[in-house]
Amino acid sequence: MEWHIIGIAASFLTTFGFVPQIIKMRRTKSAKDVSLATLLQFGAGAILWALYGVYLGDLIIITANIIASITIFAAIALCYHYNRKHGLSSR
């Protein structure tokens, strides 16, 4: 099997892993059950993976993790917005 196909498939799944959570937050207008700590941890990990991809010169790793960082940042922004709107403290 071609390993690039596996790498692309894995990057696609992990890159867009938080999109369902973003959709749910937008639909329910709530981030009550979302862990901000988890989002921050995954965001930091994605940024570090992107930097590692730069070191390796691997475009798949770089692209996937930059996009993942952007989606996680969107989730963090929604979490902050909805928790602030509903008077909940950040978790």
Protein backbone atom coordinates (compact mmCIF):
# COMPACT_ATOMS: atom_id res chain seq x y z
CA MET A 1 0.00 0.00 0.00
CA GLU A 2 1.17 3.51 -0.72
CA TRP A 3 2.13 5.13 2.60
CA HIS A 4 1.30 8.61 1.35
CA ILE A 5 -2.34 7.56 1.02
CA ILE A 6 -2.36 6.44 4.65
CA GLY A 7 -0.70 9.71 5.68
CA ILE A 8 -3.24 11.78 3.77
CA ALA A 9 -6.17 9.79 5.17
CA ALA A 10 -4.83 10.09 8.73
CA SER A 11 -4.21 13.81 8.35
CA PHE A 12 -7.70 14.37 6.93
CA LEU A 13 -9.34 12.57 9.85
CA THR A 14 -7.34 14.36 12.54
CA THR A 15 -7.36 17.75 10.82
CA PHE A 16 -11.13 17.93 10.78
CA GLY A 17 -11.66 16.05 14.06
CA PHE A 18 -13.07 19.08 15.87
CA VAL A 19 -15.42 20.19 13.10
CA PRO A 20 -18.36 18.15 14.50
CA GLN A 21 -17.83 19.85 17.87
CA ILE A 22 -17.79 23.28 16.21
CA ILE A 23 -21.00 22.46 14.36
CA LYS A 24 -22.64 21.29 17.59
CA MET A 25 -21.59 24.45 19.45
CA ARG A 26 -22.98 26.63 16.66
CA ARG A 27 -26.24 24.67 16.47
CA THR A 28 -26.87 24.60 20.23
CA LYS A 29 -25.28 28.01 20.87
CA SER A 30 -23.59 26.45 23.87
CA ALA A 31 -20.14 25.26 24.89
CA LYS A 32 -21.26 24.10 28.32
CA ASP A 33 -19.85 20.58 27.94
CA VAL A 34 -16.71 21.52 26.02
CA SER A 35 -13.36 21.27 27.79
CA LEU A 36 -11.28 24.37 27.07
CA ALA A 37 -8.22 22.58 28.48
CA THR A 38 -8.61 19.82 25.90
CA LEU A 39 -8.91 22.34 23.08
CA LEU A 40 -5.82 24.20 24.27
CA GLN A 41 -3.86 20.94 24.58
CA PHE A 42 -4.81 19.80 21.07
CA GLY A 43 -4.11 23.27 19.69
CA ALA A 44 -0.63 23.32 21.20
CA GLY A 45 -0.02 19.81 19.88
CA ALA A 46 -1.13 20.77 16.37
CA ILE A 47 1.18 23.78 16.35
CA LEU A 48 4.10 21.64 17.51
CA TRP A 49 3.30 19.02 14.84
CA ALA A 50 3.29 21.76 12.20
CA LEU A 51 6.70 22.93 13.39
CA TYR A 52 7.96 19.35 13.30
CA GLY A 53 6.60 19.07 9.76
CA VAL A 54 8.59 22.18 8.80
CA TYR A 55 11.71 20.55 10.27
CA LEU A 56 11.06 17.39 8.24
CA GLY A 57 9.97 19.32 5.16
CA ASP A 58 6.77 17.24 5.06
CA LEU A 59 3.97 19.18 3.38
CA ILE A 60 1.27 16.73 4.56
CA ILE A 61 2.20 17.21 8.22
CA ILE A 62 2.55 20.97 7.84
CA THR A 63 -0.73 21.52 5.99
CA ALA A 64 -2.80 19.17 8.12
CA ASN A 65 -1.66 20.71 11.36
CA ILE A 66 -1.98 24.31 10.26
CA ILE A 67 -5.58 23.62 9.23
CA ALA A 68 -6.17 21.69 12.46
CA SER A 69 -4.81 24.66 14.44
CA ILE A 70 -7.24 26.97 12.66
CA THR A 71 -10.24 24.72 13.38
CA ILE A 72 -9.20 24.32 17.01
CA PHE A 73 -8.77 28.09 17.30
CA ALA A 74 -12.34 28.47 15.97
CA ALA A 75 -13.57 26.00 18.59
CA ILE A 76 -11.71 27.90 21.34
CA ALA A 77 -13.25 31.18 20.14
CA LEU A 78 -16.75 29.68 20.17
CA CYS A 79 -16.15 28.13 23.59
CA TYR A 80 -15.05 31.50 24.97
CA HIS A 81 -17.94 33.32 23.27
CA TYR A 82 -20.71 31.00 24.44
CA ASN A 83 -19.32 30.54 27.96
CA ARG A 84 -19.00 34.31 28.34
CA LYS A 85 -22.48 34.88 26.89
CA HIS A 86 -24.02 32.41 29.35
CA GLY A 87 -21.94 33.55 32.31
CA LEU A 88 -20.00 30.29 32.59
CA SER A 89 -16.39 30.30 33.67
CA SER A 90 -13.76 28.87 31.33
CA ARG A 91 -12.74 25.31 32.08
